[in-house]
N, C-alpha and C. Protein backbone atom coordinates (compact mmCIF):
# COMPACT_ATOMS: atom_id res chain seq x y z
N UNK A 1 -39.42 -89.19 -141.36
CA UNK A 1 -38.67 -89.08 -142.56
C UNK A 1 -38.95 -90.28 -143.40
N UNK A 2 -40.16 -90.50 -143.76
CA UNK A 2 -40.49 -91.54 -144.53
C UNK A 2 -40.92 -91.16 -146.01
N UNK A 3 -41.42 -89.93 -146.28
CA UNK A 3 -42.07 -89.64 -147.57
C UNK A 3 -41.18 -88.79 -148.44
N UNK A 4 -40.05 -88.04 -147.89
CA UNK A 4 -39.23 -87.16 -148.56
C UNK A 4 -38.42 -87.71 -149.59
N UNK A 5 -37.96 -87.04 -150.59
CA UNK A 5 -37.29 -87.19 -151.63
C UNK A 5 -36.35 -86.25 -152.27
N UNK A 6 -35.51 -86.48 -153.04
CA UNK A 6 -34.87 -85.33 -153.65
C UNK A 6 -35.52 -84.94 -154.93
N UNK A 7 -35.77 -83.58 -155.21
CA UNK A 7 -36.58 -83.10 -156.28
C UNK A 7 -35.39 -82.93 -157.30
N UNK A 8 -35.69 -83.32 -158.68
CA UNK A 8 -34.62 -83.07 -159.80
C UNK A 8 -34.59 -81.54 -159.73
N UNK A 9 -33.39 -81.39 -160.52
CA UNK A 9 -32.92 -80.11 -160.77
C UNK A 9 -31.66 -79.34 -159.67
N UNK A 10 -32.04 -78.87 -158.80
CA UNK A 10 -31.03 -78.34 -157.91
C UNK A 10 -30.63 -79.27 -156.88
N UNK A 11 -31.33 -80.53 -156.55
CA UNK A 11 -31.03 -81.48 -155.50
C UNK A 11 -31.74 -81.05 -154.23
N UNK A 12 -32.84 -80.27 -154.34
CA UNK A 12 -33.45 -79.83 -153.01
C UNK A 12 -34.53 -81.16 -152.51
N UNK A 13 -34.50 -81.00 -151.22
CA UNK A 13 -35.53 -82.18 -150.65
C UNK A 13 -36.99 -81.37 -150.46
N UNK A 14 -37.83 -82.56 -150.63
CA UNK A 14 -39.25 -82.08 -150.67
C UNK A 14 -40.27 -83.22 -150.34
N UNK A 15 -41.53 -82.89 -150.21
CA UNK A 15 -42.46 -84.24 -150.04
C UNK A 15 -42.41 -84.91 -148.78
N UNK A 16 -42.05 -83.98 -147.56
CA UNK A 16 -42.01 -84.63 -146.36
C UNK A 16 -43.33 -85.27 -145.93
N UNK A 17 -43.44 -86.10 -145.06
CA UNK A 17 -44.56 -86.89 -144.56
C UNK A 17 -44.89 -85.81 -143.42
N UNK A 18 -46.29 -85.50 -143.18
CA UNK A 18 -46.72 -84.61 -142.37
C UNK A 18 -46.11 -84.99 -141.00
N UNK A 19 -45.53 -83.90 -140.36
CA UNK A 19 -45.16 -84.41 -138.87
C UNK A 19 -43.49 -84.96 -138.88
N UNK A 20 -42.97 -84.87 -140.28
CA UNK A 20 -41.50 -85.46 -140.25
C UNK A 20 -40.55 -84.79 -139.32
N UNK A 21 -39.97 -85.31 -138.51
CA UNK A 21 -38.82 -84.80 -137.83
C UNK A 21 -37.48 -84.11 -138.31
N UNK A 22 -37.25 -84.40 -139.66
CA UNK A 22 -36.31 -84.02 -140.46
C UNK A 22 -36.35 -82.76 -141.26
N UNK A 23 -37.78 -82.16 -140.96
CA UNK A 23 -37.97 -81.28 -141.97
C UNK A 23 -37.21 -79.82 -141.72
N UNK A 24 -36.87 -79.38 -140.53
CA UNK A 24 -36.22 -78.29 -140.25
C UNK A 24 -34.82 -78.32 -140.90
N UNK A 25 -33.86 -79.18 -140.71
CA UNK A 25 -32.55 -79.16 -141.12
C UNK A 25 -32.68 -79.38 -142.75
N UNK A 26 -33.62 -80.29 -143.16
CA UNK A 26 -33.65 -80.14 -144.69
C UNK A 26 -34.19 -78.98 -145.44
N UNK A 27 -35.14 -78.22 -144.79
CA UNK A 27 -35.53 -76.92 -145.26
C UNK A 27 -34.53 -75.82 -145.27
N UNK A 28 -33.76 -75.89 -143.86
CA UNK A 28 -32.58 -75.05 -143.90
C UNK A 28 -31.66 -75.12 -145.07
N UNK A 29 -31.34 -76.19 -145.38
CA UNK A 29 -30.35 -76.56 -146.51
C UNK A 29 -31.00 -76.35 -147.70
N UNK A 30 -32.23 -76.34 -147.91
CA UNK A 30 -32.71 -76.10 -149.18
C UNK A 30 -32.76 -74.45 -149.46
N UNK A 31 -32.97 -73.65 -148.41
CA UNK A 31 -33.15 -72.32 -148.57
C UNK A 31 -31.56 -71.79 -148.75
N UNK A 32 -30.60 -72.30 -148.04
CA UNK A 32 -29.42 -71.99 -148.10
C UNK A 32 -28.85 -72.23 -149.73
N UNK A 33 -29.06 -73.57 -150.23
CA UNK A 33 -28.76 -73.60 -151.63
C UNK A 33 -29.47 -72.80 -152.62
N UNK A 34 -30.93 -72.42 -152.43
CA UNK A 34 -31.49 -71.65 -153.17
C UNK A 34 -30.85 -70.23 -153.17
N UNK A 35 -30.46 -69.77 -151.99
CA UNK A 35 -29.89 -68.31 -151.73
C UNK A 35 -28.56 -68.35 -152.76
N UNK A 36 -27.87 -69.32 -152.91
CA UNK A 36 -26.61 -69.44 -153.65
C UNK A 36 -26.98 -69.54 -155.10
N UNK A 37 -27.86 -70.26 -155.45
CA UNK A 37 -28.04 -70.74 -156.70
C UNK A 37 -29.14 -70.07 -157.63
N UNK A 38 -29.91 -69.33 -156.91
CA UNK A 38 -30.99 -68.74 -157.66
C UNK A 38 -30.38 -67.53 -158.65
N UNK A 39 -29.48 -66.80 -158.16
CA UNK A 39 -28.81 -65.93 -159.15
C UNK A 39 -27.17 -66.17 -158.93
N UNK A 40 -26.76 -67.24 -159.53
CA UNK A 40 -25.34 -67.56 -159.11
C UNK A 40 -24.47 -66.88 -159.69
N UNK A 41 -23.49 -66.35 -158.74
CA UNK A 41 -22.25 -65.59 -159.01
C UNK A 41 -20.95 -66.05 -158.24
N UNK A 42 -19.94 -65.90 -158.66
CA UNK A 42 -18.85 -66.35 -157.90
C UNK A 42 -17.87 -65.01 -157.69
N UNK A 43 -16.78 -64.94 -156.90
CA UNK A 43 -15.91 -63.91 -156.79
C UNK A 43 -14.91 -64.03 -157.85
N UNK A 44 -14.48 -65.24 -158.08
CA UNK A 44 -13.50 -65.62 -159.05
C UNK A 44 -13.39 -67.00 -159.33
N UNK A 45 -12.65 -67.36 -160.37
CA UNK A 45 -12.15 -68.84 -160.46
C UNK A 45 -10.85 -68.91 -160.14
N UNK A 46 -10.67 -69.85 -159.02
CA UNK A 46 -9.26 -69.89 -158.33
C UNK A 46 -8.78 -71.43 -158.31
N UNK A 47 -7.40 -71.55 -158.20
CA UNK A 47 -6.99 -73.05 -157.94
C UNK A 47 -7.35 -73.58 -156.63
N UNK A 48 -7.33 -72.52 -155.68
CA UNK A 48 -7.67 -73.09 -154.02
C UNK A 48 -8.20 -72.01 -153.39
N UNK A 49 -9.02 -72.31 -152.43
CA UNK A 49 -9.79 -71.40 -151.62
C UNK A 49 -8.83 -70.44 -150.92
N UNK A 50 -9.19 -69.27 -150.70
CA UNK A 50 -8.28 -68.26 -149.91
C UNK A 50 -8.16 -68.79 -148.40
N UNK A 51 -6.93 -68.39 -147.95
CA UNK A 51 -6.65 -68.66 -146.51
C UNK A 51 -7.60 -67.98 -145.54
N UNK A 52 -7.76 -66.76 -145.90
CA UNK A 52 -8.69 -65.75 -144.92
C UNK A 52 -9.75 -65.25 -145.66
N UNK A 53 -10.74 -66.10 -145.84
CA UNK A 53 -11.96 -65.72 -146.47
C UNK A 53 -12.91 -64.92 -145.74
N UNK A 54 -13.92 -64.16 -146.35
CA UNK A 54 -14.84 -63.55 -145.62
C UNK A 54 -16.18 -64.20 -145.75
N UNK A 55 -17.16 -64.09 -144.88
CA UNK A 55 -18.45 -64.75 -144.90
C UNK A 55 -19.08 -64.57 -146.26
N UNK A 56 -19.71 -65.69 -146.81
CA UNK A 56 -20.40 -65.48 -148.15
C UNK A 56 -19.50 -65.41 -149.32
N UNK A 57 -18.15 -65.55 -149.28
CA UNK A 57 -17.44 -65.57 -150.39
C UNK A 57 -17.37 -66.92 -151.33
N UNK A 58 -17.60 -66.77 -152.48
CA UNK A 58 -17.82 -67.97 -153.34
C UNK A 58 -16.96 -68.02 -154.51
N UNK A 59 -16.41 -68.97 -154.81
CA UNK A 59 -15.49 -69.25 -155.91
C UNK A 59 -15.74 -70.62 -156.66
N UNK A 60 -15.18 -70.73 -157.72
CA UNK A 60 -15.03 -71.97 -158.51
C UNK A 60 -13.47 -72.53 -158.43
N UNK A 61 -13.43 -73.69 -158.04
CA UNK A 61 -12.17 -74.04 -158.02
C UNK A 61 -11.67 -74.92 -159.23
N UNK A 62 -10.38 -74.56 -159.60
CA UNK A 62 -9.97 -75.46 -160.71
C UNK A 62 -8.96 -76.45 -160.52
N UNK A 63 -8.55 -76.83 -159.31
CA UNK A 63 -7.78 -77.93 -159.10
C UNK A 63 -8.06 -78.61 -157.76
N UNK A 64 -7.43 -79.72 -157.44
CA UNK A 64 -7.54 -80.28 -156.16
C UNK A 64 -8.82 -81.34 -156.08
N UNK A 65 -9.11 -81.76 -154.87
CA UNK A 65 -10.23 -82.90 -154.73
C UNK A 65 -11.56 -82.23 -155.05
N UNK A 66 -11.81 -80.72 -154.98
CA UNK A 66 -13.04 -80.02 -155.16
C UNK A 66 -12.91 -79.37 -156.45
N UNK A 67 -12.06 -79.79 -157.52
CA UNK A 67 -12.11 -79.00 -158.66
C UNK A 67 -13.54 -78.90 -159.29
N UNK A 68 -13.93 -77.73 -159.83
CA UNK A 68 -15.05 -77.55 -160.66
C UNK A 68 -16.24 -77.23 -159.70
N UNK A 69 -15.98 -77.49 -158.40
CA UNK A 69 -16.87 -77.35 -157.43
C UNK A 69 -16.96 -75.72 -157.04
N UNK A 70 -18.36 -75.31 -156.63
CA UNK A 70 -18.51 -73.96 -156.19
C UNK A 70 -18.10 -74.16 -154.67
N UNK A 71 -17.26 -73.27 -154.24
CA UNK A 71 -16.86 -73.25 -152.81
C UNK A 71 -17.36 -71.99 -152.24
N UNK A 72 -18.10 -72.24 -151.11
CA UNK A 72 -18.79 -71.14 -150.44
C UNK A 72 -18.38 -71.10 -149.02
N UNK A 73 -17.84 -70.00 -148.56
CA UNK A 73 -17.39 -69.72 -147.13
C UNK A 73 -18.72 -69.24 -146.36
N UNK A 74 -19.18 -70.18 -145.49
CA UNK A 74 -20.38 -69.75 -144.79
C UNK A 74 -20.35 -70.68 -143.57
N UNK A 75 -21.49 -70.39 -142.67
CA UNK A 75 -21.71 -71.31 -141.63
C UNK A 75 -22.50 -72.51 -142.25
N UNK A 76 -22.08 -73.79 -141.87
CA UNK A 76 -22.71 -74.96 -142.42
C UNK A 76 -24.31 -74.67 -142.41
N UNK A 77 -24.98 -75.16 -143.46
CA UNK A 77 -26.35 -74.94 -143.52
C UNK A 77 -27.05 -75.99 -142.49
N UNK A 78 -26.42 -76.89 -142.09
CA UNK A 78 -26.98 -77.87 -140.99
C UNK A 78 -26.69 -77.53 -139.66
N UNK A 79 -25.30 -77.29 -139.57
CA UNK A 79 -24.79 -76.84 -138.13
C UNK A 79 -24.56 -75.25 -138.18
N UNK A 80 -25.33 -74.46 -137.88
CA UNK A 80 -25.26 -73.02 -138.29
C UNK A 80 -24.21 -72.39 -137.40
N UNK A 81 -23.64 -73.08 -136.51
CA UNK A 81 -22.75 -72.39 -135.60
C UNK A 81 -21.34 -72.66 -136.10
N UNK A 82 -20.97 -73.62 -137.23
CA UNK A 82 -19.62 -73.75 -137.60
C UNK A 82 -19.35 -73.15 -138.98
N UNK A 83 -18.41 -72.33 -139.05
CA UNK A 83 -18.14 -71.70 -140.29
C UNK A 83 -17.09 -72.55 -141.02
N UNK A 84 -17.22 -72.40 -142.34
CA UNK A 84 -16.09 -73.26 -143.11
C UNK A 84 -16.49 -73.37 -144.65
N UNK A 85 -15.52 -73.96 -145.40
CA UNK A 85 -15.87 -74.04 -146.68
C UNK A 85 -16.90 -75.16 -147.02
N UNK A 86 -17.95 -74.88 -147.90
CA UNK A 86 -18.85 -75.88 -148.20
C UNK A 86 -18.76 -75.95 -149.81
N UNK A 87 -18.85 -77.12 -150.24
CA UNK A 87 -18.64 -77.55 -151.70
C UNK A 87 -19.77 -77.91 -152.50
N UNK A 88 -20.24 -77.09 -153.34
CA UNK A 88 -21.47 -77.54 -154.17
C UNK A 88 -20.78 -78.03 -155.68
N UNK A 89 -21.05 -79.45 -155.87
CA UNK A 89 -20.75 -79.82 -157.28
C UNK A 89 -21.90 -79.35 -158.19
N UNK A 90 -21.54 -78.80 -159.13
CA UNK A 90 -22.25 -78.30 -160.19
C UNK A 90 -22.89 -79.28 -161.14
N UNK A 91 -24.09 -79.10 -161.68
CA UNK A 91 -24.77 -80.02 -162.71
C UNK A 91 -24.52 -79.42 -164.04
N UNK A 92 -24.43 -80.21 -164.96
CA UNK A 92 -24.30 -79.92 -166.41
C UNK A 92 -25.30 -78.92 -166.72
N UNK A 93 -25.05 -77.66 -167.36
CA UNK A 93 -26.08 -76.64 -167.64
C UNK A 93 -25.97 -75.35 -166.89
N UNK A 94 -25.41 -75.72 -165.75
CA UNK A 94 -25.55 -74.42 -164.82
C UNK A 94 -24.78 -73.39 -165.22
N UNK A 95 -25.21 -72.15 -165.21
CA UNK A 95 -24.48 -70.90 -165.76
C UNK A 95 -24.29 -70.02 -164.51
N UNK A 96 -23.23 -69.38 -164.40
CA UNK A 96 -22.52 -68.46 -163.45
C UNK A 96 -22.04 -67.32 -163.82
N UNK A 97 -22.16 -66.21 -163.21
CA UNK A 97 -21.17 -65.15 -163.78
C UNK A 97 -19.88 -65.17 -162.68
N UNK A 98 -18.73 -64.58 -163.14
CA UNK A 98 -17.55 -64.48 -162.47
C UNK A 98 -17.38 -62.92 -162.41
N UNK A 99 -17.53 -62.53 -161.16
CA UNK A 99 -17.46 -61.05 -160.77
C UNK A 99 -16.27 -60.42 -161.16
N UNK A 100 -15.04 -61.21 -161.04
CA UNK A 100 -13.78 -60.50 -161.24
C UNK A 100 -13.52 -60.32 -162.54
N UNK A 101 -14.02 -61.00 -163.63
CA UNK A 101 -13.81 -60.88 -165.13
C UNK A 101 -15.24 -60.40 -165.83
N UNK A 102 -16.27 -60.54 -165.25
CA UNK A 102 -17.54 -60.20 -165.97
C UNK A 102 -17.86 -61.51 -167.00
N UNK A 103 -17.14 -62.51 -166.96
CA UNK A 103 -17.53 -63.75 -167.76
C UNK A 103 -18.65 -64.56 -167.30
N UNK A 104 -19.33 -64.95 -168.21
CA UNK A 104 -20.29 -65.80 -168.07
C UNK A 104 -19.98 -67.23 -168.13
N UNK A 105 -20.10 -67.98 -167.15
CA UNK A 105 -19.35 -69.40 -167.23
C UNK A 105 -20.58 -70.56 -167.32
N UNK A 106 -20.43 -71.41 -168.27
CA UNK A 106 -21.50 -72.68 -168.35
C UNK A 106 -20.88 -73.96 -168.02
N UNK A 107 -21.28 -74.65 -166.90
CA UNK A 107 -20.86 -75.83 -166.76
C UNK A 107 -21.09 -76.94 -167.69
N UNK A 108 -20.42 -77.80 -168.41
CA UNK A 108 -20.79 -78.81 -169.50
C UNK A 108 -20.24 -80.10 -168.88
N UNK A 109 -19.91 -80.18 -167.81
CA UNK A 109 -19.65 -81.58 -167.21
C UNK A 109 -18.25 -82.17 -167.56
């Protein structure tokens, strides 16, 4: 774990030292994040996450400690056995579509 660093843009990790033992978990997180953000869309914009979510469900939150974050219900990208909400803070300029309204949303910070 000596050479890796965060890559500008999506916050992915890269540039691992050959033989680094942190590579697998970091790469799993990279692929998980890319899967969500490569063609970003959410089910809806809501005040809080649903009490009975389904796997892969995504929302933008409008209130609470994770306001403006993208909430994704899935297995944790590091601990693939634990399901729950994972929160992704957006960066200025990110564009997403809201599937419930058809609106295109742009995060401006």
